[in-house]
């Protein structure tokens, strides 16, 4: 068992006491800065991002630096986006005969959905119309063009299934039940002692 000095315990307790109000202020400032209306107050949005104003984000989610979140994106609770993630729409139409691509416009957006407890690794690109299932993980640098089922880990270009997140379906059902009844412990992983 580790022996902690009095000063270290004091430092940790002061950090816990002061950090939560600081985090609440930081979350509120970022939500105001990006002018987003449908974002839970516990969501932390980092700087240097481009976030569409119609985005919907659930509680305790995190958007890291340099992310691009396009229109018609809906994120659930506990979603983590790594640095440089891009949730973007379809590109220009190229199939109109006699019309330059620059003037041909874009397709109608279907919307991108990231369900609860999703982790998207740094530098990933997720195209419009994709649904990432509950508890799924997308590896860093992946390009997601198709739906990702619940509790699976996908990576690559294009993203393919690597393995399941949990070893058994019992574990995934238990995890879903814990998320749904709010029996989790909130512990932020931003400061280490």
Protein backbone atom coordinates (compact mmCIF):
# COMPACT_ATOMS: atom_id res chain seq x y z
CA UNK A 1 0.00 0.00 0.00
CA UNK A 2 1.33 3.41 -0.93
CA UNK A 3 2.08 6.00 1.72
CA UNK A 4 0.87 9.46 0.79
CA UNK A 5 2.22 12.58 2.39
CA UNK A 6 -0.09 15.11 3.93
CA UNK A 7 0.75 17.69 1.27
CA UNK A 8 0.07 15.31 -1.60
CA UNK A 9 -3.34 14.42 -0.15
CA UNK A 10 -4.06 18.12 0.34
CA UNK A 11 -3.05 18.86 -3.25
CA UNK A 12 -5.29 16.08 -4.62
CA UNK A 13 -8.28 17.12 -2.53
CA UNK A 14 -7.87 20.79 -3.52
CA UNK A 15 -7.62 19.75 -7.17
CA UNK A 16 -10.85 17.76 -6.92
CA UNK A 17 -12.55 20.62 -5.10
CA UNK A 18 -11.49 23.27 -7.63
CA UNK A 19 -11.45 21.27 -10.85
CA UNK A 20 -15.15 20.48 -11.23
CA UNK A 21 -16.29 24.14 -11.13
CA UNK A 22 -13.44 24.99 -13.53
CA UNK A 23 -14.55 22.25 -15.95
CA UNK A 24 -18.17 23.46 -15.79
CA UNK A 25 -17.06 27.00 -16.66
CA UNK A 26 -14.84 25.72 -19.47
CA UNK A 27 -17.70 23.64 -20.94
CA UNK A 28 -20.13 26.57 -20.74
CA UNK A 29 -17.64 28.95 -22.39
CA UNK A 30 -16.95 26.58 -25.31
CA UNK A 31 -20.66 25.97 -25.90
CA UNK A 32 -21.16 29.74 -25.98
CA UNK A 33 -18.08 30.26 -28.19
CA UNK A 34 -19.20 27.76 -30.85
CA UNK A 35 -22.82 29.01 -30.67
CA UNK A 36 -24.26 25.50 -30.51
CA UNK A 37 -27.73 25.13 -29.05
CA UNK A 38 -28.28 21.38 -28.66
CA UNK A 39 -25.18 20.44 -26.66
CA UNK A 40 -25.38 19.15 -23.08
CA UNK A 41 -23.65 21.43 -20.52
CA UNK A 42 -21.25 18.63 -19.47
CA UNK A 43 -19.84 18.28 -23.00
CA UNK A 44 -16.29 19.56 -23.44
CA UNK A 45 -15.47 21.11 -26.82
CA UNK A 46 -11.79 21.81 -27.42
CA UNK A 47 -10.36 24.75 -29.32
CA UNK A 48 -9.54 25.16 -33.01
CA UNK A 49 -12.58 23.17 -34.14
CA UNK A 50 -15.14 23.82 -36.83
CA UNK A 51 -18.52 22.73 -35.46
CA UNK A 52 -21.83 23.14 -37.26
CA UNK A 53 -24.46 24.94 -35.21
CA UNK A 54 -27.09 22.24 -35.74
CA UNK A 55 -25.03 19.52 -34.04
CA UNK A 56 -26.68 17.55 -31.21
CA UNK A 57 -24.33 16.19 -28.52
CA UNK A 58 -25.27 14.23 -25.38
CA UNK A 59 -23.86 14.47 -21.89
CA UNK A 60 -20.22 13.87 -20.92
CA UNK A 61 -18.96 13.88 -24.51
CA UNK A 62 -15.61 15.24 -25.66
CA UNK A 63 -14.54 16.81 -28.96
CA UNK A 64 -10.76 17.20 -29.20
CA UNK A 65 -8.75 19.85 -31.03
CA UNK A 66 -8.86 20.45 -34.80
CA UNK A 67 -12.08 18.49 -35.35
CA UNK A 68 -14.52 19.29 -38.13
CA UNK A 69 -18.14 18.46 -37.38
CA UNK A 70 -20.36 19.09 -40.38
CA UNK A 71 -24.11 19.61 -40.52
CA UNK A 72 -26.72 17.00 -39.54
CA UNK A 73 -24.52 15.22 -36.99
CA UNK A 74 -26.00 13.67 -33.86
CA UNK A 75 -23.79 12.31 -31.07
CA UNK A 76 -25.01 10.38 -28.06
CA UNK A 77 -23.72 10.32 -24.50
CA UNK A 78 -20.07 9.61 -23.61
CA UNK A 79 -18.76 10.11 -27.17
CA UNK A 80 -15.03 10.83 -27.55
CA UNK A 81 -13.59 12.32 -30.73
CA UNK A 82 -9.81 12.29 -31.02
CA UNK A 83 -7.77 15.11 -32.46
CA UNK A 84 -8.40 15.94 -36.10
CA UNK A 85 -11.55 13.83 -36.57
CA UNK A 86 -13.70 14.90 -39.51
CA UNK A 87 -17.44 14.21 -39.72
CA UNK A 88 -18.11 15.43 -43.23
CA UNK A 89 -20.81 15.31 -45.89
CA UNK A 90 -20.83 13.95 -49.39
CA UNK A 91 -18.78 15.65 -52.07
CA UNK A 92 -19.83 17.38 -55.27
CA UNK A 93 -21.95 15.60 -57.84
CA UNK A 94 -19.93 14.44 -60.81
CA UNK A 95 -22.54 12.58 -62.89
CA UNK A 96 -24.32 15.51 -64.59
CA UNK A 97 -23.48 15.57 -68.29
CA UNK A 98 -22.40 18.96 -69.66
CA UNK A 99 -22.08 20.57 -66.21
CA UNK A 100 -18.70 21.33 -64.60
CA UNK A 101 -18.34 19.61 -61.21
CA UNK A 102 -17.79 22.91 -59.44
CA UNK A 103 -21.29 24.06 -60.48
CA UNK A 104 -23.11 20.75 -60.12
CA UNK A 105 -23.88 21.13 -56.41
CA UNK A 106 -23.93 18.52 -53.70
CA UNK A 107 -26.20 15.66 -52.75
CA UNK A 108 -28.73 16.08 -49.94
CA UNK A 109 -27.20 15.15 -46.57
CA UNK A 110 -28.69 12.14 -44.79
CA UNK A 111 -27.06 12.81 -41.42
CA UNK A 112 -24.37 11.09 -39.37
CA UNK A 113 -25.17 9.37 -36.07
CA UNK A 114 -22.72 8.43 -33.33
CA UNK A 115 -24.59 6.51 -30.66
CA UNK A 116 -23.70 6.34 -26.94
CA UNK A 117 -20.19 5.44 -25.69
CA UNK A 118 -18.40 5.75 -29.06
CA UNK A 119 -14.68 6.46 -29.34
CA UNK A 120 -13.31 7.76 -32.65
CA UNK A 121 -9.51 7.77 -32.90
CA UNK A 122 -7.41 10.73 -34.05
CA UNK A 123 -7.43 11.67 -37.71
CA UNK A 124 -10.43 9.53 -38.66
CA UNK A 125 -12.86 10.59 -41.37
CA UNK A 126 -16.54 9.64 -41.13
CA UNK A 127 -18.68 10.27 -44.19
CA UNK A 128 -22.31 11.39 -44.27
CA UNK A 129 -25.03 8.79 -43.74
CA UNK A 130 -22.95 6.56 -41.47
CA UNK A 131 -24.27 5.28 -38.14
CA UNK A 132 -21.72 4.19 -35.56
CA UNK A 133 -23.37 1.83 -33.09
CA UNK A 134 -23.40 2.00 -29.33
CA UNK A 135 -20.04 1.22 -27.71
CA UNK A 136 -18.13 0.99 -31.00
CA UNK A 137 -14.50 2.06 -31.45
CA UNK A 138 -13.03 3.49 -34.66
CA UNK A 139 -9.23 3.27 -34.88
CA UNK A 140 -7.02 6.27 -35.59
CA UNK A 141 -6.69 7.32 -39.22
CA UNK A 142 -9.68 5.27 -40.39
CA UNK A 143 -12.05 6.26 -43.16
CA UNK A 144 -15.57 5.10 -42.32
CA UNK A 145 -17.85 4.76 -45.34
CA UNK A 146 -20.33 2.16 -43.98
CA UNK A 147 -22.22 1.63 -40.72
CA UNK A 148 -20.34 0.24 -37.72
CA UNK A 149 -22.38 -2.23 -35.59
CA UNK A 150 -22.62 -2.02 -31.80
CA UNK A 151 -19.60 -2.99 -29.68
CA UNK A 152 -17.21 -3.62 -32.55
CA UNK A 153 -13.75 -2.21 -33.23
CA UNK A 154 -13.16 -1.01 -36.80
CA UNK A 155 -10.00 0.44 -38.37
CA UNK A 156 -8.33 0.97 -41.73
CA UNK A 157 -9.03 2.55 -45.09
CA UNK A 158 -11.86 1.74 -45.64
CA UNK A 159 -12.70 0.79 -42.07
CA UNK A 160 -13.12 -2.95 -41.49
CA UNK A 161 -13.94 -4.99 -38.43
CA UNK A 162 -10.88 -5.80 -36.33
CA UNK A 163 -12.63 -7.57 -33.45
CA UNK A 164 -15.46 -7.30 -30.95
CA UNK A 165 -15.06 -4.90 -28.04
CA UNK A 166 -16.22 -7.43 -25.44
CA UNK A 167 -15.51 -11.14 -25.37
CA UNK A 168 -19.12 -12.19 -24.78
CA UNK A 169 -22.58 -10.85 -25.46
CA UNK A 170 -23.25 -11.01 -21.71
CA UNK A 171 -20.56 -8.36 -21.14
CA UNK A 172 -22.02 -6.05 -23.79
CA UNK A 173 -25.53 -6.44 -22.34
CA UNK A 174 -24.22 -5.70 -18.85
CA UNK A 175 -22.36 -2.62 -20.15
CA UNK A 176 -25.51 -1.35 -21.89
CA UNK A 177 -27.55 -1.85 -18.71
CA UNK A 178 -24.99 0.11 -16.65
CA UNK A 179 -25.01 3.00 -19.14
CA UNK A 180 -28.80 3.11 -19.26
CA UNK A 181 -29.37 3.23 -15.49
CA UNK A 182 -26.63 5.83 -14.81
CA UNK A 183 -24.70 3.55 -12.45
CA UNK A 184 -21.31 4.77 -13.65
CA UNK A 185 -18.80 6.81 -11.66
CA UNK A 186 -17.82 10.14 -13.21
CA UNK A 187 -14.04 10.39 -13.18
CA UNK A 188 -12.30 12.68 -15.64
CA UNK A 189 -8.96 11.60 -17.05
CA UNK A 190 -7.41 14.98 -17.70
CA UNK A 191 -5.02 15.43 -14.78
CA UNK A 192 -2.69 12.76 -13.46
CA UNK A 193 -0.82 12.91 -10.14
